[in-house]
Amino acid sequence: MQVLEDEIKELIISSLSLEDVAPADIDPTAPLFVEGLGLDSIDALELGLALQKRYGVSLSADSQETRRHFSSVRALAEFVASQGQEPSL
């Protein structure tokens, strides 16, 4: 799970162009939105597309379940792992 969390941190940084953030700066249990990384809804869309492209997972834009998956890096890693998808390079 640690490897997947690190991959997702890298994906967040690259897909959202967060040049001033290192993977080690991102707490896997910290919120991604508002506090924590302070991402917004546009960031969520970009990150969702990056996750779909990389892992082949599908996310519903307005579901409570998707909001729960996007609550932290760890929650995203658990969601991707539960989908049983290998990264698409």
PDB file of N, CA and C in Angstrom:
ATOM      1  N   MET A   1       0.834  -1.206   0.000  1.00  0.00           N
ATOM      2  CA  MET A   1       0.000   0.000   0.000  1.00  0.00           C
ATOM      3  C   MET A   1       0.871   1.259   0.000  1.00  0.00           C
ATOM      4  N   GLN A   2       2.023   1.181   0.663  1.00  0.00           N
ATOM      5  CA  GLN A   2       2.922   2.341   0.711  1.00  0.00           C
ATOM      6  C   GLN A   2       3.374   2.752  -0.686  1.00  0.00           C
ATOM      7  N   VAL A   3       3.684   1.774  -1.534  1.00  0.00           N
ATOM      8  CA  VAL A   3       4.126   2.069  -2.902  1.00  0.00           C
ATOM      9  C   VAL A   3       3.011   2.776  -3.664  1.00  0.00           C
ATOM     10  N   LEU A   4       1.787   2.294  -3.515  1.00  0.00           N
ATOM     11  CA  LEU A   4       0.648   2.906  -4.192  1.00  0.00           C
ATOM     12  C   LEU A   4       0.408   4.325  -3.676  1.00  0.00           C
ATOM     13  N   GLU A   5       0.521   4.529  -2.378  1.00  0.00           N
ATOM     14  CA  GLU A   5       0.367   5.884  -1.824  1.00  0.00           C
ATOM     15  C   GLU A   5       1.416   6.819  -2.410  1.00  0.00           C
ATOM     16  N   ASP A   6       2.660   6.341  -2.520  1.00  0.00           N
ATOM     17  CA  ASP A   6       3.722   7.169  -3.093  1.00  0.00           C
ATOM     18  C   ASP A   6       3.450   7.485  -4.562  1.00  0.00           C
ATOM     19  N   GLU A   7       2.937   6.497  -5.313  1.00  0.00           N
ATOM     20  CA  GLU A   7       2.589   6.731  -6.720  1.00  0.00           C
ATOM     21  C   GLU A   7       1.500   7.792  -6.834  1.00  0.00           C
ATOM     22  N   ILE A   8       0.510   7.720  -5.959  1.00  0.00           N
ATOM     23  CA  ILE A   8      -0.592   8.687  -6.003  1.00  0.00           C
ATOM     24  C   ILE A   8      -0.098  10.076  -5.621  1.00  0.00           C
ATOM     25  N   LYS A   9       0.810  10.163  -4.653  1.00  0.00           N
ATOM     26  CA  LYS A   9       1.398  11.462  -4.309  1.00  0.00           C
ATOM     27  C   LYS A   9       2.100  12.057  -5.525  1.00  0.00           C
ATOM     28  N   GLU A  10       2.891  11.238  -6.223  1.00  0.00           N
ATOM     29  CA  GLU A  10       3.590  11.697  -7.430  1.00  0.00           C
ATOM     30  C   GLU A  10       2.580  12.137  -8.500  1.00  0.00           C
ATOM     31  N   LEU A  11       1.508  11.378  -8.634  1.00  0.00           N
ATOM     32  CA  LEU A  11       0.471  11.697  -9.612  1.00  0.00           C
ATOM     33  C   LEU A  11      -0.199  13.032  -9.278  1.00  0.00           C
ATOM     34  N   ILE A  12      -0.483  13.257  -8.011  1.00  0.00           N
ATOM     35  CA  ILE A  12      -1.075  14.534  -7.581  1.00  0.00           C
ATOM     36  C   ILE A  12      -0.140  15.684  -7.935  1.00  0.00           C
ATOM     37  N   ILE A  13       1.123  15.533  -7.592  1.00  0.00           N
ATOM     38  CA  ILE A  13       2.103  16.597  -7.839  1.00  0.00           C
ATOM     39  C   ILE A  13       2.248  16.876  -9.328  1.00  0.00           C
ATOM     40  N   SER A  14       2.379  15.823 -10.136  1.00  0.00           N
ATOM     41  CA  SER A  14       2.588  16.040 -11.571  1.00  0.00           C
ATOM     42  C   SER A  14       1.322  16.513 -12.281  1.00  0.00           C
ATOM     43  N   SER A  15       0.170  15.929 -11.967  1.00  0.00           N
ATOM     44  CA  SER A  15      -1.053  16.299 -12.690  1.00  0.00           C
ATOM     45  C   SER A  15      -1.560  17.680 -12.310  1.00  0.00           C
ATOM     46  N   LEU A  16      -1.227  18.143 -11.094  1.00  0.00           N
ATOM     47  CA  LEU A  16      -1.699  19.456 -10.651  1.00  0.00           C
ATOM     48  C   LEU A  16      -0.582  20.503 -10.662  1.00  0.00           C
ATOM     49  N   SER A  17       0.582  20.121 -11.197  1.00  0.00           N
ATOM     50  CA  SER A  17       1.734  21.037 -11.300  1.00  0.00           C
ATOM     51  C   SER A  17       2.079  21.704  -9.975  1.00  0.00           C
ATOM     52  N   LEU A  18       2.197  20.894  -8.938  1.00  0.00           N
ATOM     53  CA  LEU A  18       2.539  21.401  -7.611  1.00  0.00           C
ATOM     54  C   LEU A  18       4.056  21.364  -7.437  1.00  0.00           C
ATOM     55  N   GLU A  19       4.752  22.305  -8.108  1.00  0.00           N
ATOM     56  CA  GLU A  19       6.212  22.287  -8.114  1.00  0.00           C
ATOM     57  C   GLU A  19       6.838  22.456  -6.739  1.00  0.00           C
ATOM     58  N   ASP A  20       6.163  23.145  -5.838  1.00  0.00           N
ATOM     59  CA  ASP A  20       6.737  23.423  -4.521  1.00  0.00           C
ATOM     60  C   ASP A  20       6.438  22.331  -3.495  1.00  0.00           C
ATOM     61  N   VAL A  21       5.844  21.222  -3.929  1.00  0.00           N
ATOM     62  CA  VAL A  21       5.461  20.152  -3.005  1.00  0.00           C
ATOM     63  C   VAL A  21       6.240  18.883  -3.354  1.00  0.00           C
ATOM     64  N   ALA A  22       6.821  18.266  -2.344  1.00  0.00           N
ATOM     65  CA  ALA A  22       7.508  16.983  -2.518  1.00  0.00           C
ATOM     66  C   ALA A  22       6.598  15.873  -1.990  1.00  0.00           C
ATOM     67  N   PRO A  23       6.732  14.654  -2.526  1.00  0.00           N
ATOM     68  CA  PRO A  23       5.893  13.561  -2.021  1.00  0.00           C
ATOM     69  C   PRO A  23       5.958  13.413  -0.501  1.00  0.00           C
ATOM     70  N   ALA A  24       7.132  13.620   0.080  1.00  0.00           N
ATOM     71  CA  ALA A  24       7.279  13.496   1.534  1.00  0.00           C
ATOM     72  C   ALA A  24       6.503  14.566   2.291  1.00  0.00           C
ATOM     73  N   ASP A  25       6.162  15.669   1.613  1.00  0.00           N
ATOM     74  CA  ASP A  25       5.398  16.754   2.245  1.00  0.00           C
ATOM     75  C   ASP A  25       3.921  16.409   2.403  1.00  0.00           C
ATOM     76  N   ILE A  26       3.468  15.395   1.693  1.00  0.00           N
ATOM     77  CA  ILE A  26       2.041  15.051   1.691  1.00  0.00           C
ATOM     78  C   ILE A  26       1.788  13.946   2.712  1.00  0.00           C
ATOM     79  N   ASP A  27       1.022  14.265   3.735  1.00  0.00           N
ATOM     80  CA  ASP A  27       0.621  13.283   4.747  1.00  0.00           C
ATOM     81  C   ASP A  27      -0.470  12.410   4.122  1.00  0.00           C
ATOM     82  N   PRO A  28      -0.288  11.085   4.078  1.00  0.00           N
ATOM     83  CA  PRO A  28      -1.274  10.228   3.418  1.00  0.00           C
ATOM     84  C   PRO A  28      -2.648  10.245   4.071  1.00  0.00           C
ATOM     85  N   THR A  29      -2.730  10.700   5.322  1.00  0.00           N
ATOM     86  CA  THR A  29      -4.032  10.728   5.996  1.00  0.00           C
ATOM     87  C   THR A  29      -4.627  12.134   6.073  1.00  0.00           C
ATOM     88  N   ALA A  30      -3.880  13.133   5.609  1.00  0.00           N
ATOM     89  CA  ALA A  30      -4.368  14.517   5.667  1.00  0.00           C
ATOM     90  C   ALA A  30      -5.427  14.751   4.590  1.00  0.00           C
ATOM     91  N   PRO A  31      -6.364  15.647   4.850  1.00  0.00           N
ATOM     92  CA  PRO A  31      -7.370  15.964   3.836  1.00  0.00           C
ATOM     93  C   PRO A  31      -6.721  16.556   2.582  1.00  0.00           C
ATOM     94  N   LEU A  32      -7.287  16.231   1.425  1.00  0.00           N
ATOM     95  CA  LEU A  32      -6.776  16.797   0.174  1.00  0.00           C
ATOM     96  C   LEU A  32      -7.417  18.142  -0.129  1.00  0.00           C
ATOM     97  N   PHE A  33      -8.642  18.340   0.365  1.00  0.00           N
ATOM     98  CA  PHE A  33      -9.392  19.543   0.027  1.00  0.00           C
ATOM     99  C   PHE A  33      -9.554  20.454   1.239  1.00  0.00           C
ATOM    100  N   VAL A  34      -9.702  21.736   0.970  1.00  0.00           N
ATOM    101  CA  VAL A  34      -9.840  22.801   1.956  1.00  0.00           C
ATOM    102  C   VAL A  34      -8.571  22.867   2.804  1.00  0.00           C
ATOM    103  N   GLU A  35      -8.528  22.162   3.958  1.00  0.00           N
ATOM    104  CA  GLU A  35      -7.267  22.161   4.692  1.00  0.00           C
ATOM    105  C   GLU A  35      -6.366  21.099   4.052  1.00  0.00           C
ATOM    106  N   GLY A  36      -5.279  20.723   4.646  1.00  0.00           N
ATOM    107  CA  GLY A  36      -4.372  19.766   4.013  1.00  0.00           C
ATOM    108  C   GLY A  36      -3.713  20.397   2.795  1.00  0.00           C
ATOM    109  N   LEU A  37      -3.870  19.770   1.641  1.00  0.00           N
ATOM    110  CA  LEU A  37      -3.278  20.305   0.403  1.00  0.00           C
ATOM    111  C   LEU A  37      -4.039  21.508  -0.128  1.00  0.00           C
ATOM    112  N   GLY A  38      -5.278  21.680   0.300  1.00  0.00           N
ATOM    113  CA  GLY A  38      -6.053  22.840  -0.136  1.00  0.00           C
ATOM    114  C   GLY A  38      -6.508  22.770  -1.581  1.00  0.00           C
ATOM    115  N   LEU A  39      -6.773  21.577  -2.076  1.00  0.00           N
ATOM    116  CA  LEU A  39      -7.226  21.433  -3.460  1.00  0.00           C
ATOM    117  C   LEU A  39      -8.667  21.931  -3.599  1.00  0.00           C
ATOM    118  N   ASP A  40      -9.054  22.247  -4.850  1.00  0.00           N
ATOM    119  CA  ASP A  40     -10.422  22.692  -5.111  1.00  0.00           C
ATOM    120  C   ASP A  40     -11.090  21.763  -6.122  1.00  0.00           C
ATOM    121  N   SER A  41     -12.296  22.120  -6.562  1.00  0.00           N
ATOM    122  CA  SER A  41     -13.064  21.233  -7.436  1.00  0.00           C
ATOM    123  C   SER A  41     -12.405  21.037  -8.806  1.00  0.00           C
ATOM    124  N   ILE A  42     -11.732  22.050  -9.320  1.00  0.00           N
ATOM    125  CA  ILE A  42     -11.018  21.908 -10.591  1.00  0.00           C
ATOM    126  C   ILE A  42      -9.875  20.900 -10.419  1.00  0.00           C
ATOM    127  N   ASP A  43      -9.169  21.006  -9.295  1.00  0.00           N
ATOM    128  CA  ASP A  43      -8.101  20.039  -8.995  1.00  0.00           C
ATOM    129  C   ASP A  43      -8.674  18.623  -8.923  1.00  0.00           C
ATOM    130  N   ALA A  44      -9.854  18.481  -8.343  1.00  0.00           N
ATOM    131  CA  ALA A  44     -10.487  17.165  -8.220  1.00  0.00           C
ATOM    132  C   ALA A  44     -10.758  16.572  -9.593  1.00  0.00           C
ATOM    133  N   LEU A  45     -11.242  17.402 -10.519  1.00  0.00           N
ATOM    134  CA  LEU A  45     -11.498  16.924 -11.881  1.00  0.00           C
ATOM    135  C   LEU A  45     -10.213  16.470 -12.553  1.00  0.00           C
ATOM    136  N   GLU A  46      -9.165  17.290 -12.447  1.00  0.00           N
ATOM    137  CA  GLU A  46      -7.882  16.946 -13.064  1.00  0.00           C
ATOM    138  C   GLU A  46      -7.302  15.678 -12.447  1.00  0.00           C
ATOM    139  N   LEU A  47      -7.385  15.567 -11.130  1.00  0.00           N
ATOM    140  CA  LEU A  47      -6.866  14.385 -10.455  1.00  0.00           C
ATOM    141  C   LEU A  47      -7.680  13.147 -10.828  1.00  0.00           C
ATOM    142  N   GLY A  48      -8.993  13.304 -10.912  1.00  0.00           N
ATOM    143  CA  GLY A  48      -9.854  12.189 -11.322  1.00  0.00           C
ATOM    144  C   GLY A  48      -9.497  11.683 -12.701  1.00  0.00           C
ATOM    145  N   LEU A  49      -9.246  12.601 -13.646  1.00  0.00           N
ATOM    146  CA  LEU A  49      -8.846  12.209 -14.997  1.00  0.00           C
ATOM    147  C   LEU A  49      -7.497  11.511 -14.993  1.00  0.00           C
ATOM    148  N   ALA A  50      -6.563  12.028 -14.203  1.00  0.00           N
ATOM    149  CA  ALA A  50      -5.236  11.408 -14.106  1.00  0.00           C
ATOM    150  C   ALA A  50      -5.340   9.989 -13.534  1.00  0.00           C
ATOM    151  N   LEU A  51      -6.191   9.802 -12.522  1.00  0.00           N
ATOM    152  CA  LEU A  51      -6.380   8.469 -11.933  1.00  0.00           C
ATOM    153  C   LEU A  51      -7.012   7.513 -12.938  1.00  0.00           C
ATOM    154  N   GLN A  52      -7.984   8.021 -13.707  1.00  0.00           N
ATOM    155  CA  GLN A  52      -8.613   7.185 -14.730  1.00  0.00           C
ATOM    156  C   GLN A  52      -7.605   6.756 -15.779  1.00  0.00           C
ATOM    157  N   LYS A  53      -6.782   7.699 -16.214  1.00  0.00           N
ATOM    158  CA  LYS A  53      -5.791   7.416 -17.243  1.00  0.00           C
ATOM    159  C   LYS A  53      -4.733   6.441 -16.731  1.00  0.00           C
ATOM    160  N   ARG A  54      -4.269   6.654 -15.517  1.00  0.00           N
ATOM    161  CA  ARG A  54      -3.169   5.847 -14.966  1.00  0.00           C
ATOM    162  C   ARG A  54      -3.625   4.466 -14.510  1.00  0.00           C
ATOM    163  N   TYR A  55      -4.770   4.401 -13.819  1.00  0.00           N
ATOM    164  CA  TYR A  55      -5.194   3.139 -13.208  1.00  0.00           C
ATOM    165  C   TYR A  55      -6.454   2.531 -13.820  1.00  0.00           C
ATOM    166  N   GLY A  56      -7.093   3.219 -14.724  1.00  0.00           N
ATOM    167  CA  GLY A  56      -8.293   2.685 -15.362  1.00  0.00           C
ATOM    168  C   GLY A  56      -9.506   2.613 -14.458  1.00  0.00           C
ATOM    169  N   VAL A  57      -9.506   3.378 -13.376  1.00  0.00           N
ATOM    170  CA  VAL A  57     -10.657   3.376 -12.459  1.00  0.00           C
ATOM    171  C   VAL A  57     -11.692   4.384 -12.959  1.00  0.00           C
ATOM    172  N   SER A  58     -12.945   4.121 -12.647  1.00  0.00           N
ATOM    173  CA  SER A  58     -13.975   5.089 -13.034  1.00  0.00           C
ATOM    174  C   SER A  58     -14.577   5.694 -11.768  1.00  0.00           C
ATOM    175  N   LEU A  59     -14.789   6.992 -11.840  1.00  0.00           N
ATOM    176  CA  LEU A  59     -15.297   7.744 -10.696  1.00  0.00           C
ATOM    177  C   LEU A  59     -16.528   8.533 -11.118  1.00  0.00           C
ATOM    178  N   SER A  60     -17.524   8.561 -10.264  1.00  0.00           N
ATOM    179  CA  SER A  60     -18.715   9.366 -10.511  1.00  0.00           C
ATOM    180  C   SER A  60     -18.505  10.745  -9.886  1.00  0.00           C
ATOM    181  N   ALA A  61     -18.733  11.783 -10.665  1.00  0.00           N
ATOM    182  CA  ALA A  61     -18.405  13.146 -10.234  1.00  0.00           C
ATOM    183  C   ALA A  61     -19.155  13.597  -8.977  1.00  0.00           C
ATOM    184  N   ASP A  62     -20.405  13.218  -8.837  1.00  0.00           N
ATOM    185  CA  ASP A  62     -21.197  13.778  -7.746  1.00  0.00           C
ATOM    186  C   ASP A  62     -21.547  12.806  -6.625  1.00  0.00           C
ATOM    187  N   SER A  63     -20.948  11.651  -6.607  1.00  0.00           N
ATOM    188  CA  SER A  63     -21.362  10.692  -5.584  1.00  0.00           C
ATOM    189  C   SER A  63     -20.650  10.916  -4.251  1.00  0.00           C
ATOM    190  N   GLN A  64     -21.339  10.595  -3.172  1.00  0.00           N
ATOM    191  CA  GLN A  64     -20.752  10.670  -1.826  1.00  0.00           C
ATOM    192  C   GLN A  64     -19.562   9.727  -1.730  1.00  0.00           C
ATOM    193  N   GLU A  65     -19.691   8.583  -2.383  1.00  0.00           N
ATOM    194  CA  GLU A  65     -18.624   7.587  -2.343  1.00  0.00           C
ATOM    195  C   GLU A  65     -17.337   8.163  -2.952  1.00  0.00           C
ATOM    196  N   THR A  66     -17.451   8.878  -4.053  1.00  0.00           N
ATOM    197  CA  THR A  66     -16.281   9.493  -4.680  1.00  0.00           C
ATOM    198  C   THR A  66     -15.674  10.530  -3.753  1.00  0.00           C
ATOM    199  N   ARG A  67     -16.496  11.304  -3.088  1.00  0.00           N
ATOM    200  CA  ARG A  67     -15.980  12.288  -2.131  1.00  0.00           C
ATOM    201  C   ARG A  67     -15.183  11.606  -1.022  1.00  0.00           C
ATOM    202  N   ARG A  68     -15.662  10.454  -0.586  1.00  0.00           N
ATOM    203  CA  ARG A  68     -14.958   9.705   0.449  1.00  0.00           C
ATOM    204  C   ARG A  68     -13.604   9.207  -0.077  1.00  0.00           C
ATOM    205  N   HIS A  69     -13.575   8.729  -1.326  1.00  0.00           N
ATOM    206  CA  HIS A  69     -12.320   8.254  -1.926  1.00  0.00           C
ATOM    207  C   HIS A  69     -11.301   9.381  -2.033  1.00  0.00           C
ATOM    208  N   PHE A  70     -11.771  10.594  -2.289  1.00  0.00           N
ATOM    209  CA  PHE A  70     -10.887  11.743  -2.466  1.00  0.00           C
ATOM    210  C   PHE A  70     -10.558  12.445  -1.141  1.00  0.00           C
ATOM    211  N   SER A  71     -10.911  11.837  -0.022  1.00  0.00           N
ATOM    212  CA  SER A  71     -10.678  12.502   1.260  1.00  0.00           C
ATOM    213  C   SER A  71      -9.205  12.585   1.622  1.00  0.00           C
ATOM    214  N   SER A  72      -8.386  11.612   1.184  1.00  0.00           N
ATOM    215  CA  SER A  72      -6.954  11.612   1.499  1.00  0.00           C
ATOM    216  C   SER A  72      -6.220  10.729   0.499  1.00  0.00           C
ATOM    217  N   VAL A  73      -4.905  10.822   0.511  1.00  0.00           N
ATOM    218  CA  VAL A  73      -4.088   9.950  -0.353  1.00  0.00           C
ATOM    219  C   VAL A  73      -4.344   8.490   0.016  1.00  0.00           C
ATOM    220  N   ARG A  74      -4.413   8.198   1.306  1.00  0.00           N
ATOM    221  CA  ARG A  74      -4.637   6.810   1.743  1.00  0.00           C
ATOM    222  C   ARG A  74      -5.978   6.288   1.235  1.00  0.00           C
ATOM    223  N   ALA A  75      -7.018   7.115   1.301  1.00  0.00           N
ATOM    224  CA  ALA A  75      -8.336   6.693   0.814  1.00  0.00           C
ATOM    225  C   ALA A  75      -8.296   6.436  -0.697  1.00  0.00           C
ATOM    226  N   LEU A  76      -7.580   7.276  -1.435  1.00  0.00           N
ATOM    227  CA  LEU A  76      -7.434   7.062  -2.879  1.00  0.00           C
ATOM    228  C   LEU A  76      -6.682   5.760  -3.156  1.00  0.00           C
ATOM    229  N   ALA A  77      -5.619   5.512  -2.412  1.00  0.00           N
ATOM    230  CA  ALA A  77      -4.835   4.284  -2.598  1.00  0.00           C
ATOM    231  C   ALA A  77      -5.695   3.055  -2.312  1.00  0.00           C
ATOM    232  N   GLU A  78      -6.502   3.117  -1.258  1.00  0.00           N
ATOM    233  CA  GLU A  78      -7.376   1.994  -0.925  1.00  0.00           C
ATOM    234  C   GLU A  78      -8.410   1.768  -2.028  1.00  0.00           C
ATOM    235  N   PHE A  79      -8.939   2.866  -2.584  1.00  0.00           N
ATOM    236  CA  PHE A  79      -9.912   2.752  -3.670  1.00  0.00           C
ATOM    237  C   PHE A  79      -9.271   2.112  -4.897  1.00  0.00           C
ATOM    238  N   VAL A  80      -8.100   2.611  -5.305  1.00  0.00           N
ATOM    239  CA  VAL A  80      -7.416   2.067  -6.481  1.00  0.00           C
ATOM    240  C   VAL A  80      -7.092   0.587  -6.260  1.00  0.00           C
ATOM    241  N   ALA A  81      -6.593   0.257  -5.071  1.00  0.00           N
ATOM    242  CA  ALA A  81      -6.271  -1.144  -4.761  1.00  0.00           C
ATOM    243  C   ALA A  81      -7.521  -2.028  -4.811  1.00  0.00           C
ATOM    244  N   SER A  82      -8.648  -1.503  -4.354  1.00  0.00           N
ATOM    245  CA  SER A  82      -9.894  -2.295  -4.357  1.00  0.00           C
ATOM    246  C   SER A  82     -10.407  -2.552  -5.764  1.00  0.00           C
ATOM    247  N   GLN A  83      -9.993  -1.713  -6.717  1.00  0.00           N
ATOM    248  CA  GLN A  83     -10.413  -1.889  -8.102  1.00  0.00           C
ATOM    249  C   GLN A  83      -9.563  -2.940  -8.817  1.00  0.00           C
ATOM    250  N   GLY A  84      -8.431  -3.310  -8.178  1.00  0.00           N
ATOM    251  CA  GLY A  84      -7.567  -4.346  -8.736  1.00  0.00           C
ATOM    252  C   GLY A  84      -6.905  -3.968 -10.046  1.00  0.00           C
ATOM    253  N   GLN A  85      -6.683  -2.677 -10.239  1.00  0.00           N
ATOM    254  CA  GLN A  85      -6.112  -2.205 -11.501  1.00  0.00           C
ATOM    255  C   GLN A  85      -4.610  -2.038 -11.382  1.00  0.00           C
ATOM    256  N   GLU A  86      -3.913  -2.420 -12.424  1.00  0.00           N
ATOM    257  CA  GLU A  86      -2.472  -2.163 -12.517  1.00  0.00           C
ATOM    258  C   GLU A  86      -2.285  -0.841 -13.238  1.00  0.00           C
ATOM    259  N   PRO A  87      -1.217  -0.101 -12.916  1.00  0.00           N
ATOM    260  CA  PRO A  87      -0.989   1.171 -13.587  1.00  0.00           C
ATOM    261  C   PRO A  87      -0.804   0.998 -15.085  1.00  0.00           C
ATOM    262  N   SER A  88      -1.359   1.921 -15.853  1.00  0.00           N
ATOM    263  CA  SER A  88      -1.162   1.968 -17.298  1.00  0.00           C
ATOM    264  C   SER A  88      -0.060   2.966 -17.581  1.00  0.00           C
ATOM    265  N   LEU A  89       1.004   2.533 -18.175  1.00  0.00           N
ATOM    266  CA  LEU A  89       2.129   3.424 -18.426  1.00  0.00           C
ATOM    267  C   LEU A  89       2.075   4.025 -19.772  1.00  0.00           C
TER     268      LEU A  89
END
